[in-house]
């Protein structure tokens, strides 16, 4: 990878990071007692990367230059999703003896994100073979 490629990933990460901060803050203001903002970001990010994967694979509707994939997937989606924040919040819940909330955070995040990436991929495939 060239320095230019790393620059595009960095730009995408900045865009994704700002979007993550905005959405997770918005959700946290409405539901402050549970890390729902992180779950919403991870689910929507999983959905988005599923759609992108389906739409940009060989035979997909969007025939992108291969140099765009790192910007979109590693950059924007990688900067947007927040599994590091998820891990830290889960640890904090466990350390506060809120074991059921910690478990709920893990189960909801994993199950909903897997469903979202599957659903996003299916949606993306619908547009691919129209």
Protein backbone atom coordinates (compact mmCIF):
# COMPACT_ATOMS: atom_id res chain seq x y z
CA UNK A 1 0.00 0.00 0.00
CA UNK A 2 1.18 3.47 -0.82
CA UNK A 3 1.27 6.51 1.42
CA UNK A 4 -1.70 7.86 -0.53
CA UNK A 5 -3.71 4.74 0.38
CA UNK A 6 -2.93 5.26 4.05
CA UNK A 7 -4.01 8.87 3.70
CA UNK A 8 -7.38 7.81 2.27
CA UNK A 9 -7.88 5.32 5.11
CA UNK A 10 -7.00 8.05 7.62
CA UNK A 11 -9.51 10.43 6.03
CA UNK A 12 -12.19 7.74 6.06
CA UNK A 13 -11.41 6.96 9.69
CA UNK A 14 -11.85 10.62 10.60
CA UNK A 15 -15.22 10.74 8.84
CA UNK A 16 -16.34 7.51 10.50
CA UNK A 17 -15.09 8.63 13.90
CA UNK A 18 -16.99 11.91 13.76
CA UNK A 19 -20.15 10.08 12.67
CA UNK A 20 -19.70 7.58 15.52
CA UNK A 21 -19.22 10.35 18.09
CA UNK A 22 -22.28 12.25 16.86
CA UNK A 23 -24.65 9.26 16.81
CA UNK A 24 -23.48 7.60 20.03
CA UNK A 25 -23.68 10.94 21.87
CA UNK A 26 -27.18 11.57 20.52
CA UNK A 27 -28.40 8.15 21.66
CA UNK A 28 -26.60 8.37 25.03
CA UNK A 29 -28.33 11.68 25.79
CA UNK A 30 -31.70 9.95 25.44
CA UNK A 31 -30.78 6.67 27.19
CA UNK A 32 -27.87 7.37 29.56
CA UNK A 33 -28.16 4.29 31.82
CA UNK A 34 -27.14 1.69 29.21
CA UNK A 35 -24.51 1.85 26.42
CA UNK A 36 -27.19 1.80 23.74
CA UNK A 37 -25.33 4.37 21.63
CA UNK A 38 -22.47 1.95 21.11
CA UNK A 39 -24.89 -0.84 20.20
CA UNK A 40 -26.67 1.41 17.68
CA UNK A 41 -23.34 2.40 16.11
CA UNK A 42 -22.12 -1.21 15.92
CA UNK A 43 -25.39 -2.45 14.40
CA UNK A 44 -25.60 0.32 11.80
CA UNK A 45 -21.89 -0.04 11.03
CA UNK A 46 -22.29 -3.80 10.58
CA UNK A 47 -25.25 -3.18 8.28
CA UNK A 48 -23.30 -0.63 6.25
CA UNK A 49 -20.26 -2.87 5.81
CA UNK A 50 -22.57 -5.73 4.78
CA UNK A 51 -24.17 -3.57 2.08
CA UNK A 52 -20.75 -2.34 0.90
CA UNK A 53 -19.37 -5.88 0.78
CA UNK A 54 -22.30 -7.10 -1.29
CA UNK A 55 -22.33 -4.14 -3.64
CA UNK A 56 -18.57 -3.98 -4.30
CA UNK A 57 -17.68 -7.67 -4.72
CA UNK A 58 -17.01 -8.98 -8.21
CA UNK A 59 -20.36 -9.05 -9.98
CA UNK A 60 -21.75 -6.40 -7.64
CA UNK A 61 -23.59 -3.33 -8.84
CA UNK A 62 -20.80 -0.92 -7.89
CA UNK A 63 -17.62 -1.69 -9.78
CA UNK A 64 -15.29 0.45 -7.73
CA UNK A 65 -11.64 0.94 -8.29
CA UNK A 66 -10.00 -1.45 -5.77
CA UNK A 67 -8.30 1.54 -4.15
CA UNK A 68 -11.69 2.71 -2.81
CA UNK A 69 -12.34 -0.40 -0.69
CA UNK A 70 -9.82 0.53 2.04
CA UNK A 71 -11.26 4.07 2.24
CA UNK A 72 -14.82 2.76 2.63
CA UNK A 73 -14.32 -0.41 4.66
CA UNK A 74 -11.22 0.10 6.80
CA UNK A 75 -11.53 3.87 6.86
CA UNK A 76 -15.15 4.95 7.20
CA UNK A 77 -16.61 1.70 8.59
CA UNK A 78 -13.56 1.01 10.75
CA UNK A 79 -13.60 4.53 12.15
CA UNK A 80 -17.34 4.36 12.70
CA UNK A 81 -17.77 1.04 14.50
CA UNK A 82 -16.79 0.95 18.11
CA UNK A 83 -15.89 -2.47 19.38
CA UNK A 84 -13.09 -1.03 21.45
CA UNK A 85 -15.60 1.23 23.21
CA UNK A 86 -17.96 -1.75 23.50
CA UNK A 87 -15.24 -3.76 25.23
CA UNK A 88 -14.38 -0.98 27.66
CA UNK A 89 -18.04 -0.32 28.51
CA UNK A 90 -18.66 -4.03 29.08
CA UNK A 91 -15.65 -4.21 31.38
CA UNK A 92 -16.89 -1.15 33.30
CA UNK A 93 -20.32 -2.73 33.77
CA UNK A 94 -18.72 -5.95 35.04
CA UNK A 95 -16.42 -4.02 37.40
CA UNK A 96 -19.48 -2.20 38.78
CA UNK A 97 -21.01 -5.61 39.54
CA UNK A 98 -23.69 -5.03 36.87
CA UNK A 99 -23.18 -8.51 35.46
CA UNK A 100 -26.59 -8.82 33.80
CA UNK A 101 -26.12 -5.52 31.98
CA UNK A 102 -22.63 -6.58 30.92
CA UNK A 103 -23.99 -9.86 29.59
CA UNK A 104 -26.87 -8.09 27.85
CA UNK A 105 -24.39 -5.70 26.22
CA UNK A 106 -22.33 -8.61 24.87
CA UNK A 107 -25.30 -10.66 23.65
CA UNK A 108 -27.15 -7.72 22.09
CA UNK A 109 -24.04 -6.38 20.38
CA UNK A 110 -22.92 -9.72 18.93
CA UNK A 111 -26.36 -10.99 17.88
CA UNK A 112 -27.64 -7.68 16.50
CA UNK A 113 -24.40 -6.94 14.62
CA UNK A 114 -24.33 -10.40 13.05
CA UNK A 115 -27.97 -10.01 12.03
CA UNK A 116 -27.27 -6.50 10.69
CA UNK A 117 -24.29 -7.58 8.59
CA UNK A 118 -26.32 -10.50 7.18
CA UNK A 119 -29.30 -8.23 6.47
CA UNK A 120 -27.09 -5.54 4.96
CA UNK A 121 -25.45 -8.11 2.72
CA UNK A 122 -28.84 -9.44 1.60
CA UNK A 123 -30.08 -5.90 0.88
CA UNK A 124 -26.91 -5.16 -1.06
CA UNK A 125 -27.35 -8.34 -3.13
CA UNK A 126 -30.91 -7.28 -4.02
CA UNK A 127 -29.51 -4.17 -5.64
CA UNK A 128 -26.67 -6.08 -7.25
CA UNK A 129 -28.78 -8.32 -9.46
CA UNK A 130 -31.62 -5.95 -10.36
